Amino acid sequence: MSTVAFRVTDEKKSFIQSMADLNGLRLSELARTKLLEGLEDQIDMALYEKAMKSHELNDESISHRDMLQELGF
């Protein structure tokens, strides 16, 4: 397992430690979890934006009413 270190002010460390305590986590667990969640969210948003651009270029959407007619309802 690797170790990653980063520098923060004493004030920010105190804040991060308080948040870790609030969540019942060790500081390293909180930092790791939140960092990975943030990066995964960023990937999700990039994939969403790419999919939406693709959809806009080739929009095959139909209305709810048209779908019902197509299905024979």
C-alpha atoms as a PDB file:
ATOM      1  CA  MET A   1       0.000   0.000   0.000  1.00  0.00           C
ATOM      2  CA  SER A   2       1.257   3.488  -0.833  1.00  0.00           C
ATOM      3  CA  THR A   3       1.233   6.622   1.265  1.00  0.00           C
ATOM      4  CA  VAL A   4       0.214  10.030  -0.046  1.00  0.00           C
ATOM      5  CA  ALA A   5       0.966  13.168   1.934  1.00  0.00           C
ATOM      6  CA  PHE A   6      -0.134  16.753   1.456  1.00  0.00           C
ATOM      7  CA  ARG A   7       0.356  19.945   3.386  1.00  0.00           C
ATOM      8  CA  VAL A   8      -2.378  22.020   4.980  1.00  0.00           C
ATOM      9  CA  THR A   9      -2.399  24.842   7.480  1.00  0.00           C
ATOM     10  CA  ASP A  10      -2.914  23.998  11.141  1.00  0.00           C
ATOM     11  CA  GLU A  11      -6.362  25.576  10.899  1.00  0.00           C
ATOM     12  CA  LYS A  12      -7.362  23.356   7.964  1.00  0.00           C
ATOM     13  CA  LYS A  13      -5.960  20.263   9.671  1.00  0.00           C
ATOM     14  CA  SER A  14      -8.020  21.062  12.743  1.00  0.00           C
ATOM     15  CA  PHE A  15     -11.124  21.453  10.590  1.00  0.00           C
ATOM     16  CA  ILE A  16     -10.482  18.182   8.740  1.00  0.00           C
ATOM     17  CA  GLN A  17      -9.863  16.386  12.033  1.00  0.00           C
ATOM     18  CA  SER A  18     -13.109  17.791  13.445  1.00  0.00           C
ATOM     19  CA  MET A  19     -15.013  16.539  10.413  1.00  0.00           C
ATOM     20  CA  ALA A  20     -13.378  13.127  10.713  1.00  0.00           C
ATOM     21  CA  ASP A  21     -14.375  12.983  14.385  1.00  0.00           C
ATOM     22  CA  LEU A  22     -17.910  14.049  13.521  1.00  0.00           C
ATOM     23  CA  ASN A  23     -18.145  11.200  11.007  1.00  0.00           C
ATOM     24  CA  GLY A  24     -16.487   8.644  13.289  1.00  0.00           C
ATOM     25  CA  LEU A  25     -13.529   8.229  10.945  1.00  0.00           C
ATOM     26  CA  ARG A  26      -9.792   8.553  11.181  1.00  0.00           C
ATOM     27  CA  LEU A  27      -8.441  11.613   9.396  1.00  0.00           C
ATOM     28  CA  SER A  28      -6.824   9.453   6.704  1.00  0.00           C
ATOM     29  CA  GLU A  29     -10.101   7.567   6.105  1.00  0.00           C
ATOM     30  CA  LEU A  30     -12.031  10.814   5.690  1.00  0.00           C
ATOM     31  CA  ALA A  31      -9.424  12.313   3.347  1.00  0.00           C
ATOM     32  CA  ARG A  32      -9.220   9.151   1.230  1.00  0.00           C
ATOM     33  CA  THR A  33     -12.994   8.693   1.036  1.00  0.00           C
ATOM     34  CA  LYS A  34     -13.811  12.305   0.200  1.00  0.00           C
ATOM     35  CA  LEU A  35     -10.989  12.601  -2.330  1.00  0.00           C
ATOM     36  CA  LEU A  36     -12.051   9.449  -4.164  1.00  0.00           C
ATOM     37  CA  GLU A  37     -15.747  10.403  -4.031  1.00  0.00           C
ATOM     38  CA  GLY A  38     -14.941  13.809  -5.488  1.00  0.00           C
ATOM     39  CA  LEU A  39     -12.878  12.321  -8.305  1.00  0.00           C
ATOM     40  CA  GLU A  40     -15.551   9.714  -9.070  1.00  0.00           C
ATOM     41  CA  ASP A  41     -18.163  12.494  -9.174  1.00  0.00           C
ATOM     42  CA  GLN A  42     -15.943  14.390 -11.618  1.00  0.00           C
ATOM     43  CA  ILE A  43     -15.702  11.315 -13.881  1.00  0.00           C
ATOM     44  CA  ASP A  44     -19.467  10.786 -13.666  1.00  0.00           C
ATOM     45  CA  MET A  45     -20.105  14.395 -14.675  1.00  0.00           C
ATOM     46  CA  ALA A  46     -17.674  14.179 -17.597  1.00  0.00           C
ATOM     47  CA  LEU A  47     -19.362  10.983 -18.836  1.00  0.00           C
ATOM     48  CA  TYR A  48     -22.799  12.582 -18.434  1.00  0.00           C
ATOM     49  CA  GLU A  49     -21.743  15.665 -20.402  1.00  0.00           C
ATOM     50  CA  LYS A  50     -20.278  13.481 -23.155  1.00  0.00           C
ATOM     51  CA  ALA A  51     -23.473  11.406 -23.328  1.00  0.00           C
ATOM     52  CA  MET A  52     -25.651  14.523 -23.446  1.00  0.00           C
ATOM     53  CA  LYS A  53     -23.592  16.012 -26.288  1.00  0.00           C
ATOM     54  CA  SER A  54     -23.922  12.755 -28.197  1.00  0.00           C
ATOM     55  CA  HIS A  55     -27.665  12.699 -27.520  1.00  0.00           C
ATOM     56  CA  GLU A  56     -28.068  16.279 -28.710  1.00  0.00           C
ATOM     57  CA  LEU A  57     -26.307  15.446 -31.975  1.00  0.00           C
ATOM     58  CA  ASN A  58     -28.472  12.374 -32.597  1.00  0.00           C
ATOM     59  CA  ASP A  59     -31.712  13.049 -30.709  1.00  0.00           C
ATOM     60  CA  GLU A  60     -34.201  10.262 -31.330  1.00  0.00           C
ATOM     61  CA  SER A  61     -36.556  11.276 -28.517  1.00  0.00           C
ATOM     62  CA  ILE A  62     -40.302  11.044 -28.954  1.00  0.00           C
ATOM     63  CA  SER A  63     -43.110  12.356 -26.812  1.00  0.00           C
ATOM     64  CA  HIS A  64     -44.930  10.239 -24.258  1.00  0.00           C
ATOM     65  CA  ARG A  65     -48.083  10.461 -26.389  1.00  0.00           C
ATOM     66  CA  ASP A  66     -46.219   9.252 -29.489  1.00  0.00           C
ATOM     67  CA  MET A  67     -44.700   6.363 -27.522  1.00  0.00           C
ATOM     68  CA  LEU A  68     -48.141   5.274 -26.329  1.00  0.00           C
ATOM     69  CA  GLN A  69     -49.433   5.345 -29.908  1.00  0.00           C
ATOM     70  CA  GLU A  70     -46.423   3.403 -31.136  1.00  0.00           C
ATOM     71  CA  LEU A  71     -47.064   0.755 -28.478  1.00  0.00           C
ATOM     72  CA  GLY A  72     -50.751   0.619 -29.332  1.00  0.00           C
ATOM     73  CA  PHE A  73     -52.153   2.131 -26.132  1.00  0.00           C
END
